[in-house]
Structure formats: C-alpha cells, structure tokens
Amino acid sequence: MTAEPALGTHKVRAVTAAARTACEGGSRWIDTAPNYGGGTVQRELRPVLEEFPAVRVATKTGFYTRTQGEEAVEAGALPAGLTEARHSLAPGFIDWQTRRSTTDLGRADIVFVHNPESVGHSDRDRLHAEIRAAFTVLEDLATSGLIGGYGVATWSGFTEDAFTIPELLTLAREAGGSGHHLAAVQQPVSLVLAHPVTRALDGRGPLVQARSAGLLTFGSAPLHGGELLDLVTPELVEFIRPNTAPAAACLLAAGSCPSLDVLLISASSREHWDTAVEALDDPLTDTELRKVLDVLAPR
C-alpha cells in the first residue's frame, strides 16, 4: 500500500491555487510552515482551508523570517539579539509562533517542532531538554484545544542519532503524561535519502517504530527539492516502472516505502498533482522496491 499524496507547500508557487487543486484532487493533508514563502504562505492557505474544512493542516514551529523575528522581539517572545537567528525552540517563542500560526491558518491539526537538531547541540541531553520544553508548551496548547496535536519534523535528526522514536515518546510522556498529544513524525524519504526505506523494508527504523506507536508518518522531499530529476537516469526510471515519467517513478519509489502514511508533494499544477496521484495508485511491492534500491546501492 502506498502512502497517500498530500500537498507540501515548501517552494510551491501560487500556493492558493496549488492548495485548491490538491484539495479538489483528494488531498486530505496540507503541510506548511510559518517561514515558507517569505512568511506569507499560511495566510494564503486560510481561504482554501475554510473552503475545504475536512482537509487537515500541519504546520511547524522553530524557523522564522527576519520580519517575524522582529515581530517576536517586539512581542517579547524573543530576546533582541535573536532577530537574525532564524530558529528558536525557546518556550515563549514556540507559544507565540504557534498561536500566530493558528490565527493565520484558522486551525492547526498538527504542529511539528521543526528540525530541532538545527540548534546544533553536541550534548544530546541538552537537546532533549529543549525538545521536552517545546513539547510541554505544545501539550498545553493541545489540551486547551488550540491545536490538535504535535510532532517532530526533522531533516537529519534520525540519521545523525540526535534522537530516536522511543526517546521522543519518552519526552512526550514526561511533558504530557500517558495521555500526551505527540501525534506524528516527518522526515525526508526519497531515492537520494533512501536510508528510511531500506530500514523500513527490514522492519526497523523510525518509520516502523512510529507506526507501531500509533504515530502518523509523513515523508518529505520525495524529489529531493527537485534535484532528483537531474540525477535519475532513463534506465532507472524504466526499471522502476516502465513507460513512467521520471517524476512519477521517483514519487512511486518513495511512496511505496513501508510504514509511510503520507507523502508530501510540492505540486503547483493540476497536471503535476494528477501525475503524482496516478503514480501512487499502483505501489511497488517490497520485492520490487528492494531491487530498485539494490540498483542504487548494491549490497
């Protein structure tokens, strides 16, 4: 079973039109962040989310634009010297940014702590303490009903061993008890960053652990920011699925990853969205996916 396609809004042009196209095409999730599109994307999404109330929205907290940093300083959510830092896990900032996001979007079903590994701590205990503090703020917001739940969206946190799924679950229990609101994790899944796929095929790794714990699993950057289309060869595309477009073949390989629930696709047009949906409609078997990965990196 393939992951279901959902709209990821990072670097998407004309995001309002793209979101409406995705919602009309059956997307049940839209993923965004307050710093996307220079800080304008969330407000642009709100009319579409109001038009499609059944579509769920995930946003993030951590990164901010310079303008948002200035506004956070003025609001007392950041110290004056951090206007240019562009990333913060300070509890007061997370509270301020998340409340602002719910205003911009109209709602937030999941709020991901955005790349917590970006704080650059070599001390895992210190990093985990900051994540726990962030979870505590988000627990309060979830308990109050302002957000539906929270998660962690990471680029390299799992591969660099900054944290594991069991550790995140422990931090969530410490922040919110047994009834905590940790609901999802997000990480890149692609033919470039295929480690999550190989581990999931072997029945291990963060995707399998998250799914087993009842968390939703989101895969980001399936085309590796568009770079994958310049790397994939016609021979590999034909091997993945004959007579398939390169983008569709790459999305199919990522979306066939076991234990992956949602694949985020930055589709700007109806044609791109329909191509992605069609590609994911007929998944690769685990055996076929193993053969593709063996072509990329023979064991």
C-alpha atoms as a PDB file:
ATOM      1  CA  MET A   1       0.000   0.000   0.000  1.00  0.00           C
ATOM      2  CA  THR A   2       1.448   3.378  -0.975  1.00  0.00           C
ATOM      3  CA  ALA A   3       1.417   6.461   1.176  1.00  0.00           C
ATOM      4  CA  GLU A   4      -1.387   8.874   0.407  1.00  0.00           C
ATOM      5  CA  PRO A   5      -0.362  12.008  -1.513  1.00  0.00           C
ATOM      6  CA  ALA A   6      -0.635  15.340   0.278  1.00  0.00           C
ATOM      7  CA  LEU A   7       0.414  18.855  -0.590  1.00  0.00           C
ATOM      8  CA  GLY A   8       3.718  20.100   0.766  1.00  0.00           C
ATOM      9  CA  THR A   9       3.956  23.858   0.331  1.00  0.00           C
ATOM     10  CA  HIS A  10       7.712  24.395   0.574  1.00  0.00           C
ATOM     11  CA  LYS A  11       8.799  26.312  -2.559  1.00  0.00           C
ATOM     12  CA  VAL A  12       5.347  25.959  -4.149  1.00  0.00           C
ATOM     13  CA  ARG A  13       4.417  28.837  -6.439  1.00  0.00           C
ATOM     14  CA  ALA A  14       0.867  30.227  -6.430  1.00  0.00           C
ATOM     15  CA  VAL A  15       0.157  28.323  -3.240  1.00  0.00           C
ATOM     16  CA  THR A  16      -3.547  29.210  -3.075  1.00  0.00           C
ATOM     17  CA  ALA A  17      -4.212  27.716  -6.498  1.00  0.00           C
ATOM     18  CA  ALA A  18      -1.995  24.714  -5.749  1.00  0.00           C
ATOM     19  CA  ALA A  19      -3.810  24.053  -2.480  1.00  0.00           C
ATOM     20  CA  ARG A  20      -7.229  24.263  -4.115  1.00  0.00           C
ATOM     21  CA  THR A  21      -6.096  21.871  -6.852  1.00  0.00           C
ATOM     22  CA  ALA A  22      -4.770  19.387  -4.289  1.00  0.00           C
ATOM     23  CA  CYS A  23      -7.923  19.564  -2.170  1.00  0.00           C
ATOM     24  CA  GLU A  24     -10.136  19.091  -5.196  1.00  0.00           C
ATOM     25  CA  GLY A  25      -7.891  16.175  -6.182  1.00  0.00           C
ATOM     26  CA  GLY A  26      -8.455  14.392  -2.885  1.00  0.00           C
ATOM     27  CA  SER A  27      -5.593  15.544  -0.669  1.00  0.00           C
ATOM     28  CA  ARG A  28      -6.511  15.057   2.978  1.00  0.00           C
ATOM     29  CA  TRP A  29      -3.469  16.942   4.309  1.00  0.00           C
ATOM     30  CA  ILE A  30      -1.657  20.191   3.606  1.00  0.00           C
ATOM     31  CA  ASP A  31       1.760  20.707   5.166  1.00  0.00           C
ATOM     32  CA  THR A  32       3.245  24.160   5.653  1.00  0.00           C
ATOM     33  CA  ALA A  33       5.386  26.301   7.969  1.00  0.00           C
ATOM     34  CA  PRO A  34       5.370  29.932   9.111  1.00  0.00           C
ATOM     35  CA  ASN A  35       8.636  30.718   7.293  1.00  0.00           C
ATOM     36  CA  TYR A  36       7.569  29.309   3.898  1.00  0.00           C
ATOM     37  CA  GLY A  37       7.165  31.761   1.049  1.00  0.00           C
ATOM     38  CA  GLY A  38       8.879  34.513   2.997  1.00  0.00           C
ATOM     39  CA  GLY A  39       6.267  34.161   5.712  1.00  0.00           C
ATOM     40  CA  THR A  40       3.144  34.589   3.559  1.00  0.00           C
ATOM     41  CA  VAL A  41       2.058  31.016   2.790  1.00  0.00           C
ATOM     42  CA  GLN A  42      -0.050  30.373   5.878  1.00  0.00           C
ATOM     43  CA  ARG A  43      -2.267  33.408   5.321  1.00  0.00           C
ATOM     44  CA  GLU A  44      -2.650  32.445   1.659  1.00  0.00           C
ATOM     45  CA  LEU A  45      -3.795  28.966   2.659  1.00  0.00           C
ATOM     46  CA  ARG A  46      -6.538  30.071   5.034  1.00  0.00           C
ATOM     47  CA  PRO A  47      -9.259  30.727   2.392  1.00  0.00           C
ATOM     48  CA  VAL A  48      -8.695  27.262   0.908  1.00  0.00           C
ATOM     49  CA  LEU A  49      -8.795  25.595   4.332  1.00  0.00           C
ATOM     50  CA  GLU A  50     -12.075  27.380   5.028  1.00  0.00           C
ATOM     51  CA  GLU A  51     -13.408  26.138   1.694  1.00  0.00           C
ATOM     52  CA  PHE A  52     -12.342  22.544   2.476  1.00  0.00           C
ATOM     53  CA  PRO A  53     -12.951  22.088   6.224  1.00  0.00           C
ATOM     54  CA  ALA A  54     -12.335  18.314   6.100  1.00  0.00           C
ATOM     55  CA  VAL A  55      -8.745  18.799   4.906  1.00  0.00           C
ATOM     56  CA  ARG A  56      -6.287  18.722   7.783  1.00  0.00           C
ATOM     57  CA  VAL A  57      -3.328  21.062   8.048  1.00  0.00           C
ATOM     58  CA  ALA A  58       0.088  20.542   9.596  1.00  0.00           C
ATOM     59  CA  THR A  59       2.386  23.447  10.309  1.00  0.00           C
ATOM     60  CA  LYS A  60       5.645  23.836  12.182  1.00  0.00           C
ATOM     61  CA  THR A  61       7.398  25.902  14.811  1.00  0.00           C
ATOM     62  CA  GLY A  62      11.059  26.837  15.081  1.00  0.00           C
ATOM     63  CA  PHE A  63      12.139  28.669  11.933  1.00  0.00           C
ATOM     64  CA  TYR A  64      11.165  32.282  11.304  1.00  0.00           C
ATOM     65  CA  THR A  65      11.810  35.053   8.809  1.00  0.00           C
ATOM     66  CA  ARG A  66      13.618  38.268   9.731  1.00  0.00           C
ATOM     67  CA  THR A  67      10.326  40.153   9.819  1.00  0.00           C
ATOM     68  CA  GLN A  68       8.791  37.508  12.070  1.00  0.00           C
ATOM     69  CA  GLY A  69      11.863  37.717  14.289  1.00  0.00           C
ATOM     70  CA  GLU A  70      11.418  41.465  14.620  1.00  0.00           C
ATOM     71  CA  GLU A  71       7.757  40.990  15.488  1.00  0.00           C
ATOM     72  CA  ALA A  72       8.618  38.296  18.042  1.00  0.00           C
ATOM     73  CA  VAL A  73      11.150  40.626  19.685  1.00  0.00           C
ATOM     74  CA  GLU A  74       8.568  43.398  19.824  1.00  0.00           C
ATOM     75  CA  ALA A  75       6.090  40.965  21.388  1.00  0.00           C
ATOM     76  CA  GLY A  76       8.650  39.876  23.991  1.00  0.00           C
ATOM     77  CA  ALA A  77       8.804  36.322  22.594  1.00  0.00           C
ATOM     78  CA  LEU A  78      12.485  36.580  21.586  1.00  0.00           C
ATOM     79  CA  PRO A  79      15.465  38.476  23.021  1.00  0.00           C
ATOM     80  CA  ALA A  80      16.524  41.433  20.848  1.00  0.00           C
ATOM     81  CA  GLY A  81      19.764  39.751  19.801  1.00  0.00           C
ATOM     82  CA  LEU A  82      17.974  36.832  18.116  1.00  0.00           C
ATOM     83  CA  THR A  83      16.215  38.713  15.307  1.00  0.00           C
ATOM     84  CA  GLU A  84      18.627  37.244  12.751  1.00  0.00           C
ATOM     85  CA  ALA A  85      18.990  33.786  14.299  1.00  0.00           C
ATOM     86  CA  ARG A  86      16.068  32.450  12.208  1.00  0.00           C
ATOM     87  CA  HIS A  87      15.457  29.437  14.505  1.00  0.00           C
ATOM     88  CA  SER A  88      14.430  29.113  18.120  1.00  0.00           C
ATOM     89  CA  LEU A  89      13.000  26.450  20.414  1.00  0.00           C
ATOM     90  CA  ALA A  90      12.539  28.860  23.325  1.00  0.00           C
ATOM     91  CA  PRO A  91       9.216  28.006  25.001  1.00  0.00           C
ATOM     92  CA  GLY A  92       7.939  31.579  24.879  1.00  0.00           C
ATOM     93  CA  PHE A  93       8.695  31.796  21.178  1.00  0.00           C
ATOM     94  CA  ILE A  94       7.049  28.456  20.396  1.00  0.00           C
ATOM     95  CA  ASP A  95       3.909  29.567  22.213  1.00  0.00           C
ATOM     96  CA  TRP A  96       3.867  32.915  20.384  1.00  0.00           C
ATOM     97  CA  GLN A  97       4.601  31.453  16.945  1.00  0.00           C
ATOM     98  CA  THR A  98       2.080  28.625  17.260  1.00  0.00           C
ATOM     99  CA  ARG A  99      -0.704  30.963  18.362  1.00  0.00           C
ATOM    100  CA  ARG A 100       0.116  33.222  15.440  1.00  0.00           C
ATOM    101  CA  SER A 101       0.038  30.261  13.041  1.00  0.00           C
ATOM    102  CA  THR A 102      -3.404  29.177  14.218  1.00  0.00           C
ATOM    103  CA  THR A 103      -4.605  32.727  13.583  1.00  0.00           C
ATOM    104  CA  ASP A 104      -3.060  32.800  10.101  1.00  0.00           C
ATOM    105  CA  LEU A 105      -4.362  29.354   9.139  1.00  0.00           C
ATOM    106  CA  GLY A 106      -7.599  29.293  11.081  1.00  0.00           C
ATOM    107  CA  ARG A 107      -6.626  25.964  12.663  1.00  0.00           C
ATOM    108  CA  ALA A 108      -3.671  23.608  13.153  1.00  0.00           C
ATOM    109  CA  ASP A 109      -4.233  19.865  13.376  1.00  0.00           C
ATOM    110  CA  ILE A 110      -0.543  19.112  13.944  1.00  0.00           C
ATOM    111  CA  VAL A 111       2.330  21.428  14.845  1.00  0.00           C
ATOM    112  CA  PHE A 112       5.745  19.938  14.136  1.00  0.00           C
ATOM    113  CA  VAL A 113       8.811  21.042  16.067  1.00  0.00           C
ATOM    114  CA  HIS A 114      10.847  21.995  13.004  1.00  0.00           C
ATOM    115  CA  ASN A 115      14.337  20.481  12.694  1.00  0.00           C
ATOM    116  CA  PRO A 116      15.192  20.575  16.404  1.00  0.00           C
ATOM    117  CA  GLU A 117      18.647  19.249  15.512  1.00  0.00           C
ATOM    118  CA  SER A 118      19.287  22.698  13.982  1.00  0.00           C
ATOM    119  CA  VAL A 119      20.105  24.118  17.409  1.00  0.00           C
ATOM    120  CA  GLY A 120      23.494  22.446  16.959  1.00  0.00           C
ATOM    121  CA  HIS A 121      23.950  20.932  20.411  1.00  0.00           C
ATOM    122  CA  SER A 122      26.583  18.236  20.623  1.00  0.00           C
ATOM    123  CA  ASP A 123      25.123  17.388  24.034  1.00  0.00           C
ATOM    124  CA  ARG A 124      22.117  15.102  23.402  1.00  0.00           C
ATOM    125  CA  ASP A 125      20.824  15.641  26.950  1.00  0.00           C
ATOM    126  CA  ARG A 126      20.660  19.388  26.375  1.00  0.00           C
ATOM    127  CA  LEU A 127      18.896  18.924  23.037  1.00  0.00           C
ATOM    128  CA  HIS A 128      16.396  16.543  24.595  1.00  0.00           C
ATOM    129  CA  ALA A 129      15.714  19.029  27.379  1.00  0.00           C
ATOM    130  CA  GLU A 130      14.876  21.672  24.769  1.00  0.00           C
ATOM    131  CA  ILE A 131      12.606  19.272  22.903  1.00  0.00           C
ATOM    132  CA  ARG A 132      10.861  18.348  26.165  1.00  0.00           C
ATOM    133  CA  ALA A 133      10.315  22.040  26.928  1.00  0.00           C
ATOM    134  CA  ALA A 134       8.871  22.549  23.436  1.00  0.00           C
ATOM    135  CA  PHE A 135       6.595  19.543  23.906  1.00  0.00           C
ATOM    136  CA  THR A 136       5.395  20.974  27.227  1.00  0.00           C
ATOM    137  CA  VAL A 137       4.272  24.192  25.525  1.00  0.00           C
ATOM    138  CA  LEU A 138       2.557  22.268  22.745  1.00  0.00           C
ATOM    139  CA  GLU A 139       0.891  19.949  25.274  1.00  0.00           C
ATOM    140  CA  ASP A 140      -0.688  22.977  26.934  1.00  0.00           C
ATOM    141  CA  LEU A 141      -1.904  24.279  23.570  1.00  0.00           C
ATOM    142  CA  ALA A 142      -3.298  20.874  22.627  1.00  0.00           C
ATOM    143  CA  THR A 143      -5.008  20.433  25.985  1.00  0.00           C
ATOM    144  CA  SER A 144      -6.643  23.840  25.566  1.00  0.00           C
ATOM    145  CA  GLY A 145      -7.912  22.768  22.127  1.00  0.00           C
ATOM    146  CA  LEU A 146      -5.961  25.384  20.195  1.00  0.00           C
ATOM    147  CA  ILE A 147      -4.067  22.692  18.249  1.00  0.00           C
ATOM    148  CA  GLY A 148      -4.903  19.082  17.564  1.00  0.00           C
ATOM    149  CA  GLY A 149      -1.533  17.601  18.421  1.00  0.00           C
ATOM    150  CA  TYR A 150       2.167  17.931  17.722  1.00  0.00           C
ATOM    151  CA  GLY A 151       5.146  16.108  16.296  1.00  0.00           C
ATOM    152  CA  VAL A 152       8.721  16.428  15.107  1.00  0.00           C
ATOM    153  CA  ALA A 153       9.687  17.263  11.525  1.00  0.00           C
ATOM    154  CA  THR A 154      13.362  16.527  11.023  1.00  0.00           C
ATOM    155  CA  TRP A 155      15.826  16.524   8.159  1.00  0.00           C
ATOM    156  CA  SER A 156      18.705  14.667   9.791  1.00  0.00           C
ATOM    157  CA  GLY A 157      17.740  14.068  13.411  1.00  0.00           C
ATOM    158  CA  PHE A 158      17.173  10.333  12.988  1.00  0.00           C
ATOM    159  CA  THR A 159      20.142   9.697  10.706  1.00  0.00           C
ATOM    160  CA  GLU A 160      22.513  11.697  12.923  1.00  0.00           C
ATOM    161  CA  ASP A 161      21.194   9.958  16.052  1.00  0.00           C
ATOM    162  CA  ALA A 162      20.101  13.220  17.630  1.00  0.00           C
ATOM    163  CA  PHE A 163      17.007  11.383  18.901  1.00  0.00           C
ATOM    164  CA  THR A 164      15.020   8.221  18.321  1.00  0.00           C
ATOM    165  CA  ILE A 165      11.312   7.458  18.268  1.00  0.00           C
ATOM    166  CA  PRO A 166      11.430   5.791  21.724  1.00  0.00           C
ATOM    167  CA  GLU A 167      13.231   8.863  23.086  1.00  0.00           C
ATOM    168  CA  LEU A 168      10.655  11.238  21.588  1.00  0.00           C
ATOM    169  CA  LEU A 169       7.859   9.150  23.108  1.00  0.00           C
ATOM    170  CA  THR A 170       9.584   9.327  26.490  1.00  0.00           C
ATOM    171  CA  LEU A 171       9.936  13.103  26.214  1.00  0.00           C
ATOM    172  CA  ALA A 172       6.257  13.375  25.298  1.00  0.00           C
ATOM    173  CA  ARG A 173       5.231  11.310  28.314  1.00  0.00           C
ATOM    174  CA  GLU A 174       7.409  13.487  30.538  1.00  0.00           C
ATOM    175  CA  ALA A 175       5.746  16.579  29.079  1.00  0.00           C
ATOM    176  CA  GLY A 176       2.147  15.361  28.973  1.00  0.00           C
ATOM    177  CA  GLY A 177       1.811  12.080  30.791  1.00  0.00           C
ATOM    178  CA  SER A 178       0.363   8.894  29.344  1.00  0.00           C
ATOM    179  CA  GLY A 179      -2.301  10.904  27.515  1.00  0.00           C
ATOM    180  CA  HIS A 180       0.246  13.042  25.656  1.00  0.00           C
ATOM    181  CA  HIS A 181      -0.541  14.612  22.268  1.00  0.00           C
ATOM    182  CA  LEU A 182       2.549  13.536  20.309  1.00  0.00           C
ATOM    183  CA  ALA A 183       0.856  12.533  17.070  1.00  0.00           C
ATOM    184  CA  ALA A 184       3.266  12.437  14.123  1.00  0.00           C
ATOM    185  CA  VAL A 185       6.795  12.497  12.769  1.00  0.00           C
ATOM    186  CA  GLN A 186       8.107  13.781   9.455  1.00  0.00           C
ATOM    187  CA  GLN A 187      11.383  13.006   7.706  1.00  0.00           C
ATOM    188  CA  PRO A 188      12.729  13.022   4.125  1.00  0.00           C
ATOM    189  CA  VAL A 189      12.084   9.894   2.084  1.00  0.00           C
ATOM    190  CA  SER A 190      13.478   9.653  -1.455  1.00  0.00           C
ATOM    191  CA  LEU A 191      15.821   7.754  -3.736  1.00  0.00           C
ATOM    192  CA  VAL A 192      18.525  10.168  -2.588  1.00  0.00           C
ATOM    193  CA  LEU A 193      17.828   9.778   1.125  1.00  0.00           C
ATOM    194  CA  ALA A 194      16.785   6.134   0.955  1.00  0.00           C
ATOM    195  CA  HIS A 195      18.016   5.024   4.388  1.00  0.00           C
ATOM    196  CA  PRO A 196      14.496   5.206   5.914  1.00  0.00           C
ATOM    197  CA  VAL A 197      13.218   2.995   3.090  1.00  0.00           C
ATOM    198  CA  THR A 198      15.886   0.316   3.483  1.00  0.00           C
ATOM    199  CA  ARG A 199      15.348   0.177   7.229  1.00  0.00           C
ATOM    200  CA  ALA A 200      11.566   0.031   6.881  1.00  0.00           C
ATOM    201  CA  LEU A 201      11.877  -2.835   4.394  1.00  0.00           C
ATOM    202  CA  ASP A 202      13.808  -4.709   7.084  1.00  0.00           C
ATOM    203  CA  GLY A 203      11.075  -3.998   9.629  1.00  0.00           C
ATOM    204  CA  ARG A 204      13.063  -1.498  11.676  1.00  0.00           C
ATOM    205  CA  GLY A 205      13.876   2.201  11.905  1.00  0.00           C
ATOM    206  CA  PRO A 206      11.924   5.321  12.843  1.00  0.00           C
ATOM    207  CA  LEU A 207       9.043   4.856  10.392  1.00  0.00           C
ATOM    208  CA  VAL A 208       8.289   1.354  11.651  1.00  0.00           C
ATOM    209  CA  GLN A 209       8.698   2.402  15.277  1.00  0.00           C
ATOM    210  CA  ALA A 210       6.468   5.442  14.819  1.00  0.00           C
ATOM    211  CA  ARG A 211       3.745   3.474  13.063  1.00  0.00           C
ATOM    212  CA  SER A 212       3.872   0.821  15.801  1.00  0.00           C
ATOM    213  CA  ALA A 213       3.422   3.555  18.409  1.00  0.00           C
ATOM    214  CA  GLY A 214       0.338   4.892  16.631  1.00  0.00           C
ATOM    215  CA  LEU A 215       2.007   7.980  15.216  1.00  0.00           C
ATOM    216  CA  LEU A 216       1.289   9.290  11.717  1.00  0.00           C
ATOM    217  CA  THR A 217       4.343   9.167   9.473  1.00  0.00           C
ATOM    218  CA  PHE A 218       4.989  11.876   6.886  1.00  0.00           C
ATOM    219  CA  GLY A 219       7.608  11.663   4.141  1.00  0.00           C
ATOM    220  CA  SER A 220       9.028  14.960   2.874  1.00  0.00           C
ATOM    221  CA  ALA A 221      11.173  15.942  -0.138  1.00  0.00           C
ATOM    222  CA  PRO A 222      10.466  12.842  -2.282  1.00  0.00           C
ATOM    223  CA  LEU A 223      12.121  14.595  -5.247  1.00  0.00           C
ATOM    224  CA  HIS A 224      14.897  15.961  -3.004  1.00  0.00           C
ATOM    225  CA  GLY A 225      13.941  19.558  -3.720  1.00  0.00           C
ATOM    226  CA  GLY A 226      13.733  18.825  -7.448  1.00  0.00           C
ATOM    227  CA  GLU A 227      17.379  17.756  -7.642  1.00  0.00           C
ATOM    228  CA  LEU A 228      16.451  14.091  -8.083  1.00  0.00           C
ATOM    229  CA  LEU A 229      15.022  14.752 -11.537  1.00  0.00           C
ATOM    230  CA  ASP A 230      18.508  15.775 -12.709  1.00  0.00           C
ATOM    231  CA  LEU A 231      20.050  12.655 -11.185  1.00  0.00           C
ATOM    232  CA  VAL A 232      17.703   9.862 -12.199  1.00  0.00           C
ATOM    233  CA  THR A 233      18.561   8.102 -15.452  1.00  0.00           C
ATOM    234  CA  PRO A 234      16.107   6.874 -18.110  1.00  0.00           C
ATOM    235  CA  GLU A 235      17.292   3.337 -17.381  1.00  0.00           C
ATOM    236  CA  LEU A 236      16.443   3.653 -13.679  1.00  0.00           C
ATOM    237  CA  VAL A 237      13.035   5.148 -14.473  1.00  0.00           C
ATOM    238  CA  GLU A 238      12.286   2.237 -16.803  1.00  0.00           C
ATOM    239  CA  PHE A 239      13.443  -0.198 -14.128  1.00  0.00           C
ATOM    240  CA  ILE A 240      11.186   1.339 -11.506  1.00  0.00           C
ATOM    241  CA  ARG A 241       8.087   1.267 -13.690  1.00  0.00           C
ATOM    242  CA  PRO A 242       8.154   1.003 -17.496  1.00  0.00           C
ATOM    243  CA  ASN A 243       6.631   3.847 -19.505  1.00  0.00           C
ATOM    244  CA  THR A 244       6.520   6.161 -16.484  1.00  0.00           C
ATOM    245  CA  ALA A 245       7.579   9.797 -16.306  1.00  0.00           C
ATOM    246  CA  PRO A 246      10.738  10.438 -14.219  1.00  0.00           C
ATOM    247  CA  ALA A 247       8.922  12.405 -11.511  1.00  0.00           C
ATOM    248  CA  ALA A 248       6.200   9.767 -11.258  1.00  0.00           C
ATOM    249  CA  ALA A 249       8.761   6.962 -10.948  1.00  0.00           C
ATOM    250  CA  CYS A 250      10.625   8.775  -8.173  1.00  0.00           C
ATOM    251  CA  LEU A 251       7.401   9.511  -6.287  1.00  0.00           C
ATOM    252  CA  LEU A 252       6.293   5.911  -6.683  1.00  0.00           C
ATOM    253  CA  ALA A 253       9.532   4.608  -5.173  1.00  0.00           C
ATOM    254  CA  ALA A 254       9.289   6.958  -2.189  1.00  0.00           C
ATOM    255  CA  GLY A 255       5.559   6.431  -1.698  1.00  0.00           C
ATOM    256  CA  SER A 256       5.942   2.628  -1.690  1.00  0.00           C
ATOM    257  CA  CYS A 257       8.045   2.816   1.482  1.00  0.00           C
ATOM    258  CA  PRO A 258       6.574   0.538   4.182  1.00  0.00           C
ATOM    259  CA  SER A 259       5.072   2.248   7.244  1.00  0.00           C
ATOM    260  CA  LEU A 260       4.795   5.607   5.450  1.00  0.00           C
ATOM    261  CA  ASP A 261       1.325   7.159   5.777  1.00  0.00           C
ATOM    262  CA  VAL A 262       1.601  10.494   3.945  1.00  0.00           C
ATOM    263  CA  LEU A 263       3.912  11.600   1.121  1.00  0.00           C
ATOM    264  CA  LEU A 264       4.294  15.370   0.762  1.00  0.00           C
ATOM    265  CA  ILE A 265       4.317  16.501  -2.849  1.00  0.00           C
ATOM    266  CA  SER A 266       5.046  20.073  -3.931  1.00  0.00           C
ATOM    267  CA  ALA A 267       2.701  20.077  -6.918  1.00  0.00           C
ATOM    268  CA  SER A 268       1.972  23.503  -8.397  1.00  0.00           C
ATOM    269  CA  SER A 269      -0.403  22.465 -11.165  1.00  0.00           C
ATOM    270  CA  ARG A 270      -3.300  20.118 -11.810  1.00  0.00           C
ATOM    271  CA  GLU A 271      -1.109  18.125 -14.203  1.00  0.00           C
ATOM    272  CA  HIS A 272       1.594  17.619 -11.577  1.00  0.00           C
ATOM    273  CA  TRP A 273      -0.938  16.648  -8.923  1.00  0.00           C
ATOM    274  CA  ASP A 274      -2.771  14.179 -11.168  1.00  0.00           C
ATOM    275  CA  THR A 275       0.553  12.636 -12.220  1.00  0.00           C
ATOM    276  CA  ALA A 276       1.504  12.104  -8.578  1.00  0.00           C
ATOM    277  CA  VAL A 277      -1.863  10.596  -7.642  1.00  0.00           C
ATOM    278  CA  GLU A 278      -1.766   8.243 -10.609  1.00  0.00           C
ATOM    279  CA  ALA A 279       1.786   7.164  -9.799  1.00  0.00           C
ATOM    280  CA  LEU A 280       0.902   6.296  -6.209  1.00  0.00           C
ATOM    281  CA  ASP A 281      -2.195   4.361  -7.218  1.00  0.00           C
ATOM    282  CA  ASP A 282      -0.207   1.206  -8.047  1.00  0.00           C
ATOM    283  CA  PRO A 283       2.575   0.707  -5.490  1.00  0.00           C
ATOM    284  CA  LEU A 284       5.768  -1.235  -5.872  1.00  0.00           C
ATOM    285  CA  THR A 285       5.909  -4.457  -3.919  1.00  0.00           C
ATOM    286  CA  ASP A 286       8.562  -4.790  -1.239  1.00  0.00           C
ATOM    287  CA  THR A 287      10.467  -7.122  -3.567  1.00  0.00           C
ATOM    288  CA  GLU A 288      10.366  -4.610  -6.426  1.00  0.00           C
ATOM    289  CA  LEU A 289      11.428  -1.794  -4.100  1.00  0.00           C
ATOM    290  CA  ARG A 290      14.372  -3.835  -2.803  1.00  0.00           C
ATOM    291  CA  LYS A 291      15.513  -4.418  -6.378  1.00  0.00           C
ATOM    292  CA  VAL A 292      15.380  -0.680  -7.089  1.00  0.00           C
ATOM    293  CA  LEU A 293      17.454   0.099  -4.010  1.00  0.00           C
ATOM    294  CA  ASP A 294      19.940  -2.634  -4.898  1.00  0.00           C
ATOM    295  CA  VAL A 295      20.437  -0.971  -8.291  1.00  0.00           C
ATOM    296  CA  LEU A 296      21.235   2.306  -6.499  1.00  0.00           C
ATOM    297  CA  ALA A 297      23.487   0.758  -3.842  1.00  0.00           C
ATOM    298  CA  PRO A 298      24.226  -2.928  -4.363  1.00  0.00           C
ATOM    299  CA  ARG A 299      24.570  -4.843  -1.111  1.00  0.00           C
END
